[in-house]
Amino acid sequence: MGDTKRKALCKRALERIARGDSGALSELYDLIGKKVYFTAYSVLGQRCDAEDTAQDTFVEVLESAGSYSGGDACAWVISIARNQALNRLRKRRGTEQLEEAEQLPAEETDVASSLTLLDALDRLAPEEKRVVTLHVLCGMKFKKIAAETSENEAAVQKRYRRAVEKMKKYYGQR
C-alpha cells in the first residue's frame, strides 16, 4: 500500500473514531500499529515497554480523537506514541529497573523476521537505532530527523549508513 493511500485511510479512520466509531480503531491499528510500536521501541529500547506504550497510544487516540484537527493523521498518532514513550522513559529513569523478559507482541505475524530485526536494532547505539527507526520504519526524511535531533543532515546520514553497515554485518553472521 502506498504512503498516500495509507495516510488517507489513517485520516478516515481517525475521523470515524472521533465520531464514536470505536471499530475504526482496529483499522487504524492495522494501518500503523507497527510504526507506533517501532517508534516506542526506538525511544525505549525495550520490547515490553514498547508494547505497553503502543497500547497506551491507541487508548489515548481513542480518548482524544476529537481533538484531531486535520493534517497528517499518521504523524498525529506517531507523535502521541513518541510522547507516550518519552513519558514512560522519564518514569523509568526515576525508578529502579527490574530485568524483564523480552517478548514480541502476540499479534505479530512474522515473528522470526521481527525478532531478527529487533535483535539487529539492539546491537546499535541508541542514536543509530533512533535514526534507523525514524527513517526506515516511520518514513521520516533525513532532513526532518536532523531538525528533530538538532543535528545537521550530513551527520544523520552518516550515522544511518554506519548503522546499516552494522546491521548488515549482524545479518551476515546469522
N, C-alpha and C. Protein backbone atom coordinates (compact mmCIF):
# COMPACT_ATOMS: atom_id res chain seq x y z
N MET A 1 0.85 -1.18 0.00
CA MET A 1 0.00 0.00 0.00
C MET A 1 0.89 1.23 0.00
N GLY A 2 0.57 2.18 -0.83
CA GLY A 2 1.34 3.40 -0.93
C GLY A 2 1.15 4.31 0.28
N ASP A 3 2.13 5.16 0.48
CA ASP A 3 2.11 6.07 1.63
C ASP A 3 0.92 7.03 1.57
N THR A 4 0.60 7.53 0.38
CA THR A 4 -0.52 8.47 0.23
C THR A 4 -1.84 7.79 0.59
N LYS A 5 -2.01 6.57 0.13
CA LYS A 5 -3.24 5.84 0.43
C LYS A 5 -3.32 5.53 1.93
N ARG A 6 -2.20 5.12 2.52
CA ARG A 6 -2.16 4.83 3.96
C ARG A 6 -2.55 6.07 4.77
N LYS A 7 -2.02 7.23 4.37
CA LYS A 7 -2.32 8.47 5.08
C LYS A 7 -3.80 8.80 4.98
N ALA A 8 -4.38 8.61 3.80
CA ALA A 8 -5.81 8.89 3.61
C ALA A 8 -6.66 7.93 4.46
N LEU A 9 -6.28 6.66 4.49
CA LEU A 9 -7.03 5.69 5.30
C LEU A 9 -6.89 5.97 6.80
N CYS A 10 -5.70 6.40 7.21
CA CYS A 10 -5.49 6.77 8.63
C CYS A 10 -6.38 7.95 9.00
N LYS A 11 -6.41 8.94 8.13
CA LYS A 11 -7.23 10.13 8.39
C LYS A 11 -8.70 9.74 8.49
N ARG A 12 -9.17 8.92 7.57
CA ARG A 12 -10.57 8.49 7.58
C ARG A 12 -10.88 7.71 8.86
N ALA A 13 -9.99 6.80 9.25
CA ALA A 13 -10.20 6.01 10.47
C ALA A 13 -10.23 6.92 11.69
N LEU A 14 -9.32 7.87 11.75
CA LEU A 14 -9.26 8.78 12.90
C LEU A 14 -10.51 9.64 12.99
N GLU A 15 -10.99 10.09 11.86
CA GLU A 15 -12.23 10.88 11.85
C GLU A 15 -13.41 10.04 12.32
N ARG A 16 -13.43 8.76 11.93
CA ARG A 16 -14.51 7.87 12.38
C ARG A 16 -14.42 7.62 13.88
N ILE A 17 -13.21 7.47 14.40
CA ILE A 17 -13.01 7.29 15.85
C ILE A 17 -13.54 8.52 16.57
N ALA A 18 -13.24 9.70 16.04
CA ALA A 18 -13.70 10.95 16.66
C ALA A 18 -15.22 11.04 16.70
N ARG A 19 -15.89 10.40 15.73
CA ARG A 19 -17.36 10.39 15.71
C ARG A 19 -17.94 9.26 16.57
N GLY A 20 -17.07 8.52 17.25
CA GLY A 20 -17.56 7.48 18.16
C GLY A 20 -17.52 6.07 17.61
N ASP A 21 -16.96 5.87 16.43
CA ASP A 21 -16.86 4.53 15.84
C ASP A 21 -15.60 3.85 16.36
N SER A 22 -15.72 3.16 17.50
CA SER A 22 -14.55 2.54 18.10
C SER A 22 -14.01 1.38 17.25
N GLY A 23 -14.81 0.83 16.33
CA GLY A 23 -14.34 -0.21 15.43
C GLY A 23 -13.27 0.29 14.48
N ALA A 24 -13.26 1.59 14.23
CA ALA A 24 -12.25 2.17 13.34
C ALA A 24 -10.87 2.13 13.98
N LEU A 25 -10.82 1.96 15.31
CA LEU A 25 -9.53 1.88 15.99
C LEU A 25 -8.76 0.66 15.51
N SER A 26 -9.46 -0.43 15.28
CA SER A 26 -8.82 -1.64 14.78
C SER A 26 -8.23 -1.40 13.39
N GLU A 27 -8.93 -0.67 12.56
CA GLU A 27 -8.42 -0.34 11.23
C GLU A 27 -7.16 0.52 11.32
N LEU A 28 -7.21 1.50 12.22
CA LEU A 28 -6.05 2.36 12.41
C LEU A 28 -4.86 1.55 12.90
N TYR A 29 -5.11 0.64 13.82
CA TYR A 29 -4.05 -0.22 14.33
C TYR A 29 -3.43 -1.05 13.20
N ASP A 30 -4.28 -1.62 12.35
CA ASP A 30 -3.78 -2.42 11.24
C ASP A 30 -2.92 -1.58 10.29
N LEU A 31 -3.26 -0.32 10.14
CA LEU A 31 -2.53 0.57 9.23
C LEU A 31 -1.18 1.01 9.79
N ILE A 32 -1.13 1.35 11.07
CA ILE A 32 0.11 1.94 11.60
C ILE A 32 0.55 1.35 12.94
N GLY A 33 0.00 0.24 13.33
CA GLY A 33 0.39 -0.38 14.60
C GLY A 33 1.87 -0.66 14.70
N LYS A 34 2.46 -1.17 13.63
CA LYS A 34 3.90 -1.46 13.65
C LYS A 34 4.73 -0.19 13.76
N LYS A 35 4.31 0.86 13.05
CA LYS A 35 5.04 2.13 13.15
C LYS A 35 4.98 2.68 14.57
N VAL A 36 3.82 2.56 15.19
CA VAL A 36 3.67 3.02 16.57
C VAL A 36 4.61 2.23 17.48
N TYR A 37 4.60 0.92 17.32
CA TYR A 37 5.46 0.05 18.14
C TYR A 37 6.93 0.41 17.95
N PHE A 38 7.38 0.52 16.70
CA PHE A 38 8.79 0.79 16.45
C PHE A 38 9.19 2.20 16.86
N THR A 39 8.26 3.14 16.83
CA THR A 39 8.55 4.48 17.35
C THR A 39 8.82 4.39 18.85
N ALA A 40 7.95 3.68 19.55
CA ALA A 40 8.14 3.50 21.00
C ALA A 40 9.44 2.74 21.28
N TYR A 41 9.69 1.72 20.50
CA TYR A 41 10.90 0.92 20.70
C TYR A 41 12.16 1.75 20.47
N SER A 42 12.12 2.65 19.50
CA SER A 42 13.30 3.47 19.22
C SER A 42 13.63 4.40 20.38
N VAL A 43 12.62 4.80 21.13
CA VAL A 43 12.84 5.67 22.29
C VAL A 43 13.23 4.86 23.52
N LEU A 44 12.53 3.74 23.73
CA LEU A 44 12.66 2.98 24.97
C LEU A 44 13.71 1.89 24.93
N GLY A 45 13.88 1.27 23.77
CA GLY A 45 14.88 0.22 23.64
C GLY A 45 14.52 -1.10 24.29
N GLN A 46 13.31 -1.23 24.78
CA GLN A 46 12.86 -2.48 25.41
C GLN A 46 11.53 -2.88 24.82
N ARG A 47 11.43 -4.13 24.46
CA ARG A 47 10.24 -4.62 23.78
C ARG A 47 8.99 -4.52 24.64
N CYS A 48 9.08 -4.95 25.88
CA CYS A 48 7.89 -4.93 26.75
C CYS A 48 7.36 -3.51 26.93
N ASP A 49 8.27 -2.58 27.17
CA ASP A 49 7.86 -1.18 27.32
C ASP A 49 7.27 -0.63 26.03
N ALA A 50 7.83 -1.03 24.91
CA ALA A 50 7.32 -0.57 23.61
C ALA A 50 5.91 -1.11 23.36
N GLU A 51 5.68 -2.36 23.74
CA GLU A 51 4.35 -2.95 23.59
C GLU A 51 3.33 -2.19 24.44
N ASP A 52 3.69 -1.95 25.70
CA ASP A 52 2.79 -1.22 26.60
C ASP A 52 2.53 0.19 26.09
N THR A 53 3.56 0.83 25.59
CA THR A 53 3.43 2.19 25.08
C THR A 53 2.54 2.21 23.84
N ALA A 54 2.68 1.23 22.97
CA ALA A 54 1.83 1.16 21.78
C ALA A 54 0.36 1.02 22.21
N GLN A 55 0.12 0.17 23.19
CA GLN A 55 -1.26 0.01 23.68
C GLN A 55 -1.77 1.32 24.27
N ASP A 56 -0.96 1.97 25.09
CA ASP A 56 -1.34 3.25 25.69
C ASP A 56 -1.62 4.30 24.61
N THR A 57 -0.84 4.25 23.54
CA THR A 57 -1.03 5.20 22.45
C THR A 57 -2.41 5.06 21.84
N PHE A 58 -2.82 3.83 21.56
CA PHE A 58 -4.13 3.64 20.93
C PHE A 58 -5.27 3.94 21.89
N VAL A 59 -5.06 3.74 23.19
CA VAL A 59 -6.07 4.16 24.17
C VAL A 59 -6.21 5.67 24.15
N GLU A 60 -5.07 6.36 24.11
CA GLU A 60 -5.12 7.83 24.05
C GLU A 60 -5.75 8.31 22.75
N VAL A 61 -5.47 7.64 21.65
CA VAL A 61 -6.08 8.01 20.37
C VAL A 61 -7.60 7.89 20.49
N LEU A 62 -8.06 6.81 21.08
CA LEU A 62 -9.50 6.61 21.26
C LEU A 62 -10.11 7.72 22.11
N GLU A 63 -9.39 8.11 23.17
CA GLU A 63 -9.91 9.13 24.09
C GLU A 63 -9.80 10.55 23.54
N SER A 64 -8.80 10.81 22.70
CA SER A 64 -8.56 12.20 22.28
C SER A 64 -8.74 12.43 20.79
N ALA A 65 -9.33 11.50 20.09
CA ALA A 65 -9.52 11.66 18.64
C ALA A 65 -10.31 12.92 18.31
N GLY A 66 -11.18 13.34 19.21
CA GLY A 66 -11.95 14.55 18.98
C GLY A 66 -11.11 15.80 18.89
N SER A 67 -9.89 15.75 19.42
CA SER A 67 -9.01 16.92 19.36
C SER A 67 -8.18 16.96 18.08
N TYR A 68 -8.24 15.90 17.27
CA TYR A 68 -7.54 15.88 15.99
C TYR A 68 -8.17 16.94 15.09
N SER A 69 -7.33 17.83 14.56
CA SER A 69 -7.86 18.96 13.80
C SER A 69 -7.46 18.94 12.33
N GLY A 70 -7.19 17.77 11.79
CA GLY A 70 -6.81 17.67 10.39
C GLY A 70 -5.32 17.51 10.23
N GLY A 71 -4.89 17.45 9.01
CA GLY A 71 -3.47 17.25 8.73
C GLY A 71 -3.14 15.77 8.63
N ASP A 72 -1.88 15.45 8.77
CA ASP A 72 -1.39 14.08 8.63
C ASP A 72 -1.77 13.28 9.88
N ALA A 73 -2.78 12.43 9.74
CA ALA A 73 -3.27 11.64 10.87
C ALA A 73 -2.23 10.66 11.37
N CYS A 74 -1.48 10.07 10.44
CA CYS A 74 -0.43 9.13 10.85
C CYS A 74 0.61 9.83 11.72
N ALA A 75 1.03 11.00 11.31
CA ALA A 75 2.01 11.77 12.08
C ALA A 75 1.44 12.15 13.44
N TRP A 76 0.15 12.46 13.49
CA TRP A 76 -0.50 12.81 14.76
C TRP A 76 -0.44 11.63 15.73
N VAL A 77 -0.73 10.43 15.24
CA VAL A 77 -0.69 9.24 16.09
C VAL A 77 0.74 8.92 16.49
N ILE A 78 1.67 9.03 15.56
CA ILE A 78 3.08 8.75 15.86
C ILE A 78 3.61 9.75 16.90
N SER A 79 3.17 10.99 16.84
CA SER A 79 3.62 11.97 17.85
C SER A 79 3.07 11.61 19.23
N ILE A 80 1.86 11.06 19.28
CA ILE A 80 1.32 10.58 20.56
C ILE A 80 2.19 9.44 21.07
N ALA A 81 2.56 8.51 20.18
CA ALA A 81 3.40 7.37 20.57
C ALA A 81 4.74 7.85 21.10
N ARG A 82 5.32 8.80 20.41
CA ARG A 82 6.63 9.32 20.85
C ARG A 82 6.52 9.99 22.21
N ASN A 83 5.48 10.79 22.41
CA ASN A 83 5.28 11.44 23.71
C ASN A 83 5.02 10.42 24.81
N GLN A 84 4.22 9.40 24.51
CA GLN A 84 3.95 8.34 25.48
C GLN A 84 5.27 7.65 25.86
N ALA A 85 6.09 7.37 24.86
CA ALA A 85 7.37 6.69 25.11
C ALA A 85 8.30 7.58 25.94
N LEU A 86 8.36 8.86 25.62
CA LEU A 86 9.21 9.77 26.39
C LEU A 86 8.73 9.87 27.84
N ASN A 87 7.42 9.90 28.05
CA ASN A 87 6.88 9.93 29.40
C ASN A 87 7.24 8.66 30.17
N ARG A 88 7.13 7.52 29.49
CA ARG A 88 7.48 6.25 30.13
C ARG A 88 8.97 6.22 30.46
N LEU A 89 9.79 6.75 29.57
CA LEU A 89 11.24 6.79 29.80
C LEU A 89 11.56 7.67 31.01
N ARG A 90 10.88 8.79 31.14
CA ARG A 90 11.10 9.67 32.30
C ARG A 90 10.73 8.95 33.60
N LYS A 91 9.62 8.23 33.59
CA LYS A 91 9.20 7.48 34.78
C LYS A 91 10.19 6.37 35.09
N ARG A 92 10.65 5.69 34.03
CA ARG A 92 11.58 4.57 34.21
C ARG A 92 12.89 5.06 34.80
N ARG A 93 13.35 6.20 34.38
CA ARG A 93 14.61 6.74 34.90
C ARG A 93 14.48 7.11 36.37
N GLY A 94 13.26 7.38 36.80
CA GLY A 94 13.05 7.75 38.20
C GLY A 94 12.87 6.56 39.12
N THR A 95 12.82 5.36 38.58
CA THR A 95 12.64 4.17 39.40
C THR A 95 13.71 3.16 39.08
N GLU A 96 13.94 2.27 40.02
CA GLU A 96 14.92 1.22 39.80
C GLU A 96 14.36 0.22 38.79
N GLN A 97 15.19 -0.18 37.84
CA GLN A 97 14.74 -1.10 36.79
C GLN A 97 14.91 -2.54 37.21
N LEU A 98 13.89 -3.33 36.99
CA LEU A 98 13.98 -4.76 37.16
C LEU A 98 14.18 -5.38 35.79
N GLU A 99 14.93 -6.46 35.74
CA GLU A 99 15.11 -7.16 34.47
C GLU A 99 13.78 -7.77 34.06
N GLU A 100 13.38 -7.54 32.81
CA GLU A 100 12.14 -8.10 32.30
C GLU A 100 12.45 -9.02 31.13
N ALA A 101 11.71 -10.09 31.03
CA ALA A 101 11.85 -10.97 29.87
C ALA A 101 11.32 -10.23 28.66
N GLU A 102 12.08 -10.24 27.58
CA GLU A 102 11.64 -9.55 26.38
C GLU A 102 10.76 -10.48 25.58
N GLN A 103 9.61 -9.95 25.15
CA GLN A 103 8.66 -10.73 24.39
C GLN A 103 8.20 -9.93 23.19
N LEU A 104 7.87 -10.63 22.13
CA LEU A 104 7.29 -9.98 20.96
C LEU A 104 5.79 -9.87 21.14
N PRO A 105 5.16 -8.92 20.49
CA PRO A 105 3.71 -8.82 20.58
C PRO A 105 3.05 -10.11 20.08
N ALA A 106 1.98 -10.54 20.76
CA ALA A 106 1.30 -11.77 20.38
C ALA A 106 0.71 -11.68 18.99
N GLU A 107 0.30 -10.47 18.56
CA GLU A 107 -0.34 -10.34 17.26
C GLU A 107 0.66 -10.19 16.11
N GLU A 108 1.95 -10.27 16.39
CA GLU A 108 2.96 -10.15 15.35
C GLU A 108 2.85 -11.33 14.39
N THR A 109 2.73 -11.06 13.10
CA THR A 109 2.50 -12.14 12.14
C THR A 109 3.79 -12.79 11.68
N ASP A 110 4.86 -12.06 11.63
CA ASP A 110 6.11 -12.64 11.16
C ASP A 110 7.12 -12.57 12.29
N VAL A 111 6.98 -13.46 13.26
CA VAL A 111 7.77 -13.42 14.48
C VAL A 111 9.26 -13.54 14.19
N ALA A 112 9.65 -14.47 13.36
CA ALA A 112 11.07 -14.67 13.10
C ALA A 112 11.70 -13.43 12.47
N SER A 113 11.02 -12.84 11.51
CA SER A 113 11.53 -11.64 10.85
C SER A 113 11.63 -10.49 11.83
N SER A 114 10.60 -10.31 12.64
CA SER A 114 10.60 -9.22 13.62
C SER A 114 11.67 -9.41 14.67
N LEU A 115 11.85 -10.65 15.11
CA LEU A 115 12.87 -10.94 16.11
C LEU A 115 14.24 -10.61 15.56
N THR A 116 14.51 -10.99 14.32
CA THR A 116 15.80 -10.72 13.70
C THR A 116 16.03 -9.22 13.58
N LEU A 117 15.02 -8.48 13.16
CA LEU A 117 15.15 -7.03 13.06
C LEU A 117 15.41 -6.41 14.43
N LEU A 118 14.65 -6.83 15.42
CA LEU A 118 14.83 -6.27 16.77
C LEU A 118 16.20 -6.63 17.33
N ASP A 119 16.66 -7.85 17.07
CA ASP A 119 17.99 -8.24 17.52
C ASP A 119 19.06 -7.37 16.86
N ALA A 120 18.89 -7.12 15.57
CA ALA A 120 19.85 -6.27 14.86
C ALA A 120 19.80 -4.84 15.41
N LEU A 121 18.60 -4.32 15.65
CA LEU A 121 18.47 -2.97 16.22
C LEU A 121 19.08 -2.89 17.62
N ASP A 122 18.96 -3.97 18.39
CA ASP A 122 19.52 -3.99 19.74
C ASP A 122 21.04 -3.85 19.74
N ARG A 123 21.67 -4.18 18.65
CA ARG A 123 23.12 -4.10 18.57
C ARG A 123 23.62 -2.70 18.22
N LEU A 124 22.71 -1.81 17.93
CA LEU A 124 23.07 -0.44 17.56
C LEU A 124 23.14 0.46 18.78
N ALA A 125 23.93 1.51 18.67
CA ALA A 125 23.94 2.55 19.69
C ALA A 125 22.57 3.24 19.67
N PRO A 126 22.13 3.82 20.79
CA PRO A 126 20.81 4.44 20.84
C PRO A 126 20.56 5.47 19.73
N GLU A 127 21.58 6.28 19.41
CA GLU A 127 21.41 7.30 18.38
C GLU A 127 21.23 6.65 17.01
N GLU A 128 21.97 5.57 16.77
CA GLU A 128 21.85 4.86 15.49
C GLU A 128 20.48 4.19 15.39
N LYS A 129 20.04 3.58 16.46
CA LYS A 129 18.75 2.90 16.49
C LYS A 129 17.63 3.89 16.18
N ARG A 130 17.74 5.07 16.75
CA ARG A 130 16.71 6.07 16.54
C ARG A 130 16.65 6.52 15.08
N VAL A 131 17.81 6.76 14.47
CA VAL A 131 17.85 7.21 13.08
C VAL A 131 17.28 6.13 12.16
N VAL A 132 17.68 4.88 12.36
CA VAL A 132 17.18 3.79 11.53
C VAL A 132 15.67 3.65 11.69
N THR A 133 15.20 3.67 12.91
CA THR A 133 13.77 3.51 13.16
C THR A 133 12.97 4.65 12.54
N LEU A 134 13.42 5.87 12.74
CA LEU A 134 12.69 7.01 12.20
C LEU A 134 12.71 7.03 10.67
N HIS A 135 13.86 6.68 10.08
CA HIS A 135 13.95 6.73 8.62
C HIS A 135 13.26 5.55 7.95
N VAL A 136 13.58 4.34 8.38
CA VAL A 136 13.09 3.15 7.69
C VAL A 136 11.66 2.81 8.11
N LEU A 137 11.41 2.77 9.40
CA LEU A 137 10.13 2.29 9.88
C LEU A 137 9.06 3.37 9.94
N CYS A 138 9.46 4.60 10.17
CA CYS A 138 8.49 5.69 10.26
C CYS A 138 8.47 6.56 9.00
N GLY A 139 9.41 6.32 8.10
CA GLY A 139 9.39 7.03 6.82
C GLY A 139 9.83 8.48 6.88
N MET A 140 10.53 8.89 7.92
CA MET A 140 10.98 10.28 8.02
C MET A 140 12.18 10.51 7.11
N LYS A 141 12.24 11.67 6.52
CA LYS A 141 13.38 12.08 5.69
C LYS A 141 14.53 12.49 6.61
N PHE A 142 15.75 12.38 6.10
CA PHE A 142 16.93 12.74 6.89
C PHE A 142 16.86 14.18 7.37
N LYS A 143 16.35 15.07 6.53
CA LYS A 143 16.27 16.48 6.90
C LYS A 143 15.38 16.67 8.12
N LYS A 144 14.25 15.97 8.16
CA LYS A 144 13.34 16.09 9.29
C LYS A 144 13.95 15.47 10.56
N ILE A 145 14.65 14.34 10.39
CA ILE A 145 15.32 13.71 11.53
C ILE A 145 16.38 14.66 12.08
N ALA A 146 17.11 15.30 11.18
CA ALA A 146 18.14 16.26 11.60
C ALA A 146 17.53 17.40 12.41
N ALA A 147 16.40 17.91 11.94
CA ALA A 147 15.75 19.01 12.67
C ALA A 147 15.27 18.54 14.04
N GLU A 148 14.75 17.32 14.11
CA GLU A 148 14.24 16.81 15.38
C GLU A 148 15.36 16.51 16.38
N THR A 149 16.51 16.09 15.87
CA THR A 149 17.62 15.74 16.75
C THR A 149 18.63 16.87 16.93
N SER A 150 18.37 18.01 16.31
CA SER A 150 19.27 19.17 16.38
C SER A 150 20.67 18.85 15.87
N GLU A 151 20.73 18.07 14.82
CA GLU A 151 21.99 17.75 14.17
C GLU A 151 21.91 18.19 12.72
N ASN A 152 23.07 18.23 12.05
CA ASN A 152 22.99 18.55 10.64
C ASN A 152 22.66 17.28 9.85
N GLU A 153 22.14 17.48 8.67
CA GLU A 153 21.65 16.37 7.85
C GLU A 153 22.77 15.40 7.49
N ALA A 154 23.96 15.90 7.22
CA ALA A 154 25.09 15.03 6.86
C ALA A 154 25.44 14.08 8.00
N ALA A 155 25.41 14.59 9.22
CA ALA A 155 25.71 13.75 10.38
C ALA A 155 24.66 12.64 10.54
N VAL A 156 23.41 12.97 10.30
CA VAL A 156 22.34 11.99 10.40
C VAL A 156 22.52 10.92 9.33
N GLN A 157 22.82 11.34 8.11
CA GLN A 157 23.03 10.37 7.03
C GLN A 157 24.23 9.46 7.32
N LYS A 158 25.29 10.02 7.85
CA LYS A 158 26.47 9.23 8.19
C LYS A 158 26.13 8.21 9.28
N ARG A 159 25.41 8.64 10.29
CA ARG A 159 25.00 7.74 11.37
C ARG A 159 24.13 6.61 10.81
N TYR A 160 23.23 6.95 9.89
CA TYR A 160 22.36 5.95 9.28
C TYR A 160 23.18 4.92 8.50
N ARG A 161 24.11 5.39 7.68
CA ARG A 161 24.94 4.47 6.87
C ARG A 161 25.76 3.56 7.78
N ARG A 162 26.31 4.11 8.85
CA ARG A 162 27.09 3.32 9.79
C ARG A 162 26.21 2.25 10.45
N ALA A 163 25.01 2.62 10.82
CA ALA A 163 24.08 1.68 11.44
C ALA A 163 23.69 0.57 10.47
N VAL A 164 23.44 0.92 9.23
CA VAL A 164 23.08 -0.08 8.23
C VAL A 164 24.23 -1.07 8.03
N GLU A 165 25.45 -0.56 8.01
CA GLU A 165 26.61 -1.46 7.88
C GLU A 165 26.69 -2.42 9.06
N LYS A 166 26.46 -1.93 10.27
CA LYS A 166 26.47 -2.81 11.45
C LYS A 166 25.38 -3.88 11.33
N MET A 167 24.20 -3.48 10.86
CA MET A 167 23.11 -4.43 10.72
C MET A 167 23.43 -5.47 9.65
N LYS A 168 24.06 -5.04 8.57
CA LYS A 168 24.45 -5.99 7.51
C LYS A 168 25.43 -7.01 8.06
N LYS A 169 26.40 -6.55 8.85
CA LYS A 169 27.36 -7.48 9.46
C LYS A 169 26.64 -8.47 10.36
N TYR A 170 25.67 -7.98 11.12
CA TYR A 170 24.92 -8.86 12.02
C TYR A 170 24.16 -9.90 11.22
N TYR A 171 23.47 -9.48 10.17
CA TYR A 171 22.73 -10.42 9.33
C TYR A 171 23.67 -11.43 8.68
N GLY A 172 24.89 -11.01 8.33
CA GLY A 172 25.85 -11.92 7.71
C GLY A 172 26.34 -12.98 8.68
N GLN A 173 26.29 -12.70 9.97
CA GLN A 173 26.73 -13.65 10.99
C GLN A 173 25.67 -14.68 11.32
N ARG A 174 24.44 -14.43 10.95
CA ARG A 174 23.33 -15.32 11.32
C ARG A 174 23.21 -16.47 10.38
